[in-house]
């Protein structure tokens, strides 16, 4: 296990779990003076035909724009928290593979921070399938962040 991390990847999907992961990743990046890489993946699914192709293209473009704006907000928040180096990515593809095998940074990722589950309701019962895939297929250390329980 590394004593310090230099390149930390956090995967976000808009879920509460991913926002908890983002907060944890900011803390770790600040403590380690590391570069924080924030990734949102727009999942490309199936083939679309005719008018549906055009409307899905518009939806995908709107989603990309929305997430790029959210990334600017996350970047500002990280800087406010003392993270000095942050890079954001909005990518199209298969989330499991893009997170586990992230290769957009100049230096290798040495820690991936990910929420226990994401937006997919079926995945909420156990550790999410994306999280499970990343844990089992990434060469980097993986920190799975759980939902902090409210104190009574």
C-alpha atoms as a PDB file:
ATOM      1  CA  UNK A   1       0.000   0.000   0.000  1.00  0.00           C
ATOM      2  CA  UNK A   2       1.198   3.498  -0.817  1.00  0.00           C
ATOM      3  CA  UNK A   3       2.125   5.900   1.957  1.00  0.00           C
ATOM      4  CA  UNK A   4       1.059   8.796  -0.245  1.00  0.00           C
ATOM      5  CA  UNK A   5      -1.031   9.112  -3.363  1.00  0.00           C
ATOM      6  CA  UNK A   6      -0.187  11.449  -6.233  1.00  0.00           C
ATOM      7  CA  UNK A   7      -3.056  10.847  -8.675  1.00  0.00           C
ATOM      8  CA  UNK A   8      -6.504  10.162  -7.280  1.00  0.00           C
ATOM      9  CA  UNK A   9      -9.483   9.345  -9.469  1.00  0.00           C
ATOM     10  CA  UNK A  10     -13.004   9.787  -8.160  1.00  0.00           C
ATOM     11  CA  UNK A  11     -15.976   8.567 -10.171  1.00  0.00           C
ATOM     12  CA  UNK A  12     -19.167  10.595  -9.868  1.00  0.00           C
ATOM     13  CA  UNK A  13     -22.632   9.895 -11.251  1.00  0.00           C
ATOM     14  CA  UNK A  14     -24.845  12.385  -9.450  1.00  0.00           C
ATOM     15  CA  UNK A  15     -25.841   9.946  -6.694  1.00  0.00           C
ATOM     16  CA  UNK A  16     -25.484  10.742  -2.991  1.00  0.00           C
ATOM     17  CA  UNK A  17     -22.937   7.931  -2.726  1.00  0.00           C
ATOM     18  CA  UNK A  18     -20.734   9.480  -5.401  1.00  0.00           C
ATOM     19  CA  UNK A  19     -20.916  12.866  -3.697  1.00  0.00           C
ATOM     20  CA  UNK A  20     -19.724  11.236  -0.448  1.00  0.00           C
ATOM     21  CA  UNK A  21     -16.899   9.677  -2.491  1.00  0.00           C
ATOM     22  CA  UNK A  22     -16.061  13.096  -3.963  1.00  0.00           C
ATOM     23  CA  UNK A  23     -15.810  14.633  -0.480  1.00  0.00           C
ATOM     24  CA  UNK A  24     -13.540  11.799   0.702  1.00  0.00           C
ATOM     25  CA  UNK A  25     -11.385  12.097  -2.422  1.00  0.00           C
ATOM     26  CA  UNK A  26     -10.974  15.847  -1.823  1.00  0.00           C
ATOM     27  CA  UNK A  27      -9.746  15.181   1.719  1.00  0.00           C
ATOM     28  CA  UNK A  28      -7.282  12.551   0.564  1.00  0.00           C
ATOM     29  CA  UNK A  29      -6.022  14.743  -2.299  1.00  0.00           C
ATOM     30  CA  UNK A  30      -5.482  17.672   0.066  1.00  0.00           C
ATOM     31  CA  UNK A  31      -3.618  15.532   2.643  1.00  0.00           C
ATOM     32  CA  UNK A  32      -1.385  14.048  -0.064  1.00  0.00           C
ATOM     33  CA  UNK A  33      -0.939  17.192  -2.187  1.00  0.00           C
ATOM     34  CA  UNK A  34      -2.227  15.005  -5.023  1.00  0.00           C
ATOM     35  CA  UNK A  35      -3.900  15.706  -8.329  1.00  0.00           C
ATOM     36  CA  UNK A  36      -7.612  14.978  -8.110  1.00  0.00           C
ATOM     37  CA  UNK A  37      -9.136  13.555 -11.287  1.00  0.00           C
ATOM     38  CA  UNK A  38     -12.955  13.695 -11.341  1.00  0.00           C
ATOM     39  CA  UNK A  39     -14.697  11.476 -13.894  1.00  0.00           C
ATOM     40  CA  UNK A  40     -18.308  11.371 -15.058  1.00  0.00           C
ATOM     41  CA  UNK A  41     -19.157   8.738 -17.671  1.00  0.00           C
ATOM     42  CA  UNK A  42     -22.152   9.084 -19.933  1.00  0.00           C
ATOM     43  CA  UNK A  43     -23.034   5.508 -20.691  1.00  0.00           C
ATOM     44  CA  UNK A  44     -23.444   4.713 -24.355  1.00  0.00           C
ATOM     45  CA  UNK A  45     -26.155   2.116 -24.691  1.00  0.00           C
ATOM     46  CA  UNK A  46     -27.255   0.176 -27.726  1.00  0.00           C
ATOM     47  CA  UNK A  47     -28.090   1.352 -31.205  1.00  0.00           C
ATOM     48  CA  UNK A  48     -30.821   3.841 -31.957  1.00  0.00           C
ATOM     49  CA  UNK A  49     -32.628   4.273 -35.244  1.00  0.00           C
ATOM     50  CA  UNK A  50     -34.407   7.034 -37.131  1.00  0.00           C
ATOM     51  CA  UNK A  51     -35.843   9.930 -35.160  1.00  0.00           C
ATOM     52  CA  UNK A  52     -34.881   8.260 -31.895  1.00  0.00           C
ATOM     53  CA  UNK A  53     -31.214   8.611 -32.876  1.00  0.00           C
ATOM     54  CA  UNK A  54     -31.629  12.365 -33.288  1.00  0.00           C
ATOM     55  CA  UNK A  55     -33.571  12.836 -30.047  1.00  0.00           C
ATOM     56  CA  UNK A  56     -31.126  10.648 -28.083  1.00  0.00           C
ATOM     57  CA  UNK A  57     -28.257  12.663 -29.541  1.00  0.00           C
ATOM     58  CA  UNK A  58     -29.875  15.847 -28.238  1.00  0.00           C
ATOM     59  CA  UNK A  59     -30.434  14.264 -24.829  1.00  0.00           C
ATOM     60  CA  UNK A  60     -26.818  13.069 -24.676  1.00  0.00           C
ATOM     61  CA  UNK A  61     -25.552  16.529 -25.628  1.00  0.00           C
ATOM     62  CA  UNK A  62     -27.715  18.186 -22.960  1.00  0.00           C
ATOM     63  CA  UNK A  63     -26.464  15.676 -20.390  1.00  0.00           C
ATOM     64  CA  UNK A  64     -22.859  16.389 -21.378  1.00  0.00           C
ATOM     65  CA  UNK A  65     -23.389  20.156 -21.025  1.00  0.00           C
ATOM     66  CA  UNK A  66     -25.086  19.717 -17.635  1.00  0.00           C
ATOM     67  CA  UNK A  67     -22.298  17.525 -16.330  1.00  0.00           C
ATOM     68  CA  UNK A  68     -19.587  19.873 -17.592  1.00  0.00           C
ATOM     69  CA  UNK A  69     -21.270  22.650 -15.577  1.00  0.00           C
ATOM     70  CA  UNK A  70     -21.408  20.387 -12.509  1.00  0.00           C
ATOM     71  CA  UNK A  71     -17.723  19.627 -13.006  1.00  0.00           C
ATOM     72  CA  UNK A  72     -16.942  23.361 -12.866  1.00  0.00           C
ATOM     73  CA  UNK A  73     -18.836  23.510  -9.561  1.00  0.00           C
ATOM     74  CA  UNK A  74     -16.896  20.501  -8.220  1.00  0.00           C
ATOM     75  CA  UNK A  75     -13.628  22.077  -9.326  1.00  0.00           C
ATOM     76  CA  UNK A  76     -14.474  25.296  -7.451  1.00  0.00           C
ATOM     77  CA  UNK A  77     -15.513  23.328  -4.362  1.00  0.00           C
ATOM     78  CA  UNK A  78     -12.267  21.324  -4.393  1.00  0.00           C
ATOM     79  CA  UNK A  79     -10.209  24.491  -4.700  1.00  0.00           C
ATOM     80  CA  UNK A  80     -12.135  26.019  -1.769  1.00  0.00           C
ATOM     81  CA  UNK A  81     -11.248  22.899   0.249  1.00  0.00           C
ATOM     82  CA  UNK A  82      -7.542  23.361  -0.539  1.00  0.00           C
ATOM     83  CA  UNK A  83      -7.054  20.942  -3.430  1.00  0.00           C
ATOM     84  CA  UNK A  84      -4.498  22.647  -5.640  1.00  0.00           C
ATOM     85  CA  UNK A  85      -4.603  20.384  -8.703  1.00  0.00           C
ATOM     86  CA  UNK A  86      -7.865  19.113 -10.165  1.00  0.00           C
ATOM     87  CA  UNK A  87      -8.762  17.782 -13.588  1.00  0.00           C
ATOM     88  CA  UNK A  88     -12.267  16.938 -14.707  1.00  0.00           C
ATOM     89  CA  UNK A  89     -13.500  14.611 -17.438  1.00  0.00           C
ATOM     90  CA  UNK A  90     -16.905  13.992 -18.981  1.00  0.00           C
ATOM     91  CA  UNK A  91     -16.566  10.946 -21.206  1.00  0.00           C
ATOM     92  CA  UNK A  92     -18.803   8.677 -23.255  1.00  0.00           C
ATOM     93  CA  UNK A  93     -18.449   4.938 -22.871  1.00  0.00           C
ATOM     94  CA  UNK A  94     -18.816   1.976 -20.574  1.00  0.00           C
ATOM     95  CA  UNK A  95     -18.427   3.246 -16.970  1.00  0.00           C
ATOM     96  CA  UNK A  96     -16.977   0.069 -15.454  1.00  0.00           C
ATOM     97  CA  UNK A  97     -14.137  -0.137 -17.938  1.00  0.00           C
ATOM     98  CA  UNK A  98     -13.396   3.594 -18.122  1.00  0.00           C
ATOM     99  CA  UNK A  99     -13.103   3.858 -14.347  1.00  0.00           C
ATOM    100  CA  UNK A 100     -11.110   0.661 -13.778  1.00  0.00           C
ATOM    101  CA  UNK A 101      -8.711   1.312 -16.660  1.00  0.00           C
ATOM    102  CA  UNK A 102      -8.593   5.121 -16.620  1.00  0.00           C
ATOM    103  CA  UNK A 103      -5.699   6.286 -18.764  1.00  0.00           C
ATOM    104  CA  UNK A 104      -6.394   9.973 -19.413  1.00  0.00           C
ATOM    105  CA  UNK A 105      -3.847  11.270 -16.886  1.00  0.00           C
ATOM    106  CA  UNK A 106      -0.181  11.732 -17.734  1.00  0.00           C
ATOM    107  CA  UNK A 107       0.831   9.692 -14.702  1.00  0.00           C
ATOM    108  CA  UNK A 108      -0.887   6.495 -13.562  1.00  0.00           C
ATOM    109  CA  UNK A 109      -3.755   6.687 -11.116  1.00  0.00           C
ATOM    110  CA  UNK A 110      -2.689   5.234  -7.765  1.00  0.00           C
ATOM    111  CA  UNK A 111      -6.030   5.475  -5.941  1.00  0.00           C
ATOM    112  CA  UNK A 112      -9.613   5.219  -7.178  1.00  0.00           C
ATOM    113  CA  UNK A 113     -12.336   6.501  -4.856  1.00  0.00           C
ATOM    114  CA  UNK A 114     -15.834   5.295  -5.655  1.00  0.00           C
ATOM    115  CA  UNK A 115     -19.196   5.118  -3.917  1.00  0.00           C
ATOM    116  CA  UNK A 116     -20.512   1.768  -2.759  1.00  0.00           C
ATOM    117  CA  UNK A 117     -23.471   2.080  -5.121  1.00  0.00           C
ATOM    118  CA  UNK A 118     -24.608   4.458  -7.824  1.00  0.00           C
ATOM    119  CA  UNK A 119     -27.833   5.606  -9.398  1.00  0.00           C
ATOM    120  CA  UNK A 120     -28.940   2.181 -10.607  1.00  0.00           C
ATOM    121  CA  UNK A 121     -31.661   0.990  -8.213  1.00  0.00           C
ATOM    122  CA  UNK A 122     -30.943  -2.690  -8.769  1.00  0.00           C
ATOM    123  CA  UNK A 123     -27.339  -2.181  -7.693  1.00  0.00           C
ATOM    124  CA  UNK A 124     -28.278  -0.598  -4.371  1.00  0.00           C
ATOM    125  CA  UNK A 125     -29.026  -3.884  -2.600  1.00  0.00           C
ATOM    126  CA  UNK A 126     -25.362  -4.895  -2.474  1.00  0.00           C
ATOM    127  CA  UNK A 127     -22.099  -3.388  -3.567  1.00  0.00           C
ATOM    128  CA  UNK A 128     -22.870  -1.935  -6.998  1.00  0.00           C
ATOM    129  CA  UNK A 129     -21.791  -3.883 -10.044  1.00  0.00           C
ATOM    130  CA  UNK A 130     -19.674  -0.959 -11.286  1.00  0.00           C
ATOM    131  CA  UNK A 131     -17.909  -0.729  -7.930  1.00  0.00           C
ATOM    132  CA  UNK A 132     -17.403  -4.480  -7.808  1.00  0.00           C
ATOM    133  CA  UNK A 133     -15.947  -4.468 -11.319  1.00  0.00           C
ATOM    134  CA  UNK A 134     -13.544  -1.626 -10.480  1.00  0.00           C
ATOM    135  CA  UNK A 135     -12.373  -3.369  -7.292  1.00  0.00           C
ATOM    136  CA  UNK A 136     -11.710  -6.589  -9.186  1.00  0.00           C
ATOM    137  CA  UNK A 137     -10.156  -5.172 -12.370  1.00  0.00           C
ATOM    138  CA  UNK A 138      -8.174  -2.039 -11.505  1.00  0.00           C
ATOM    139  CA  UNK A 139      -4.424  -2.052 -10.956  1.00  0.00           C
ATOM    140  CA  UNK A 140      -4.787   0.915  -8.586  1.00  0.00           C
ATOM    141  CA  UNK A 141      -5.844   0.773  -4.960  1.00  0.00           C
ATOM    142  CA  UNK A 142      -9.603   1.272  -4.622  1.00  0.00           C
ATOM    143  CA  UNK A 143     -11.369   2.958  -1.726  1.00  0.00           C
ATOM    144  CA  UNK A 144     -15.087   2.181  -1.553  1.00  0.00           C
ATOM    145  CA  UNK A 145     -16.949   4.920   0.307  1.00  0.00           C
ATOM    146  CA  UNK A 146     -20.042   4.010   2.257  1.00  0.00           C
ATOM    147  CA  UNK A 147     -22.936   6.329   3.069  1.00  0.00           C
ATOM    148  CA  UNK A 148     -22.094   7.934   6.414  1.00  0.00           C
ATOM    149  CA  UNK A 149     -24.777   7.152   8.937  1.00  0.00           C
ATOM    150  CA  UNK A 150     -26.541   9.961  10.715  1.00  0.00           C
ATOM    151  CA  UNK A 151     -25.620  10.218  14.379  1.00  0.00           C
ATOM    152  CA  UNK A 152     -28.473   9.696  16.777  1.00  0.00           C
END
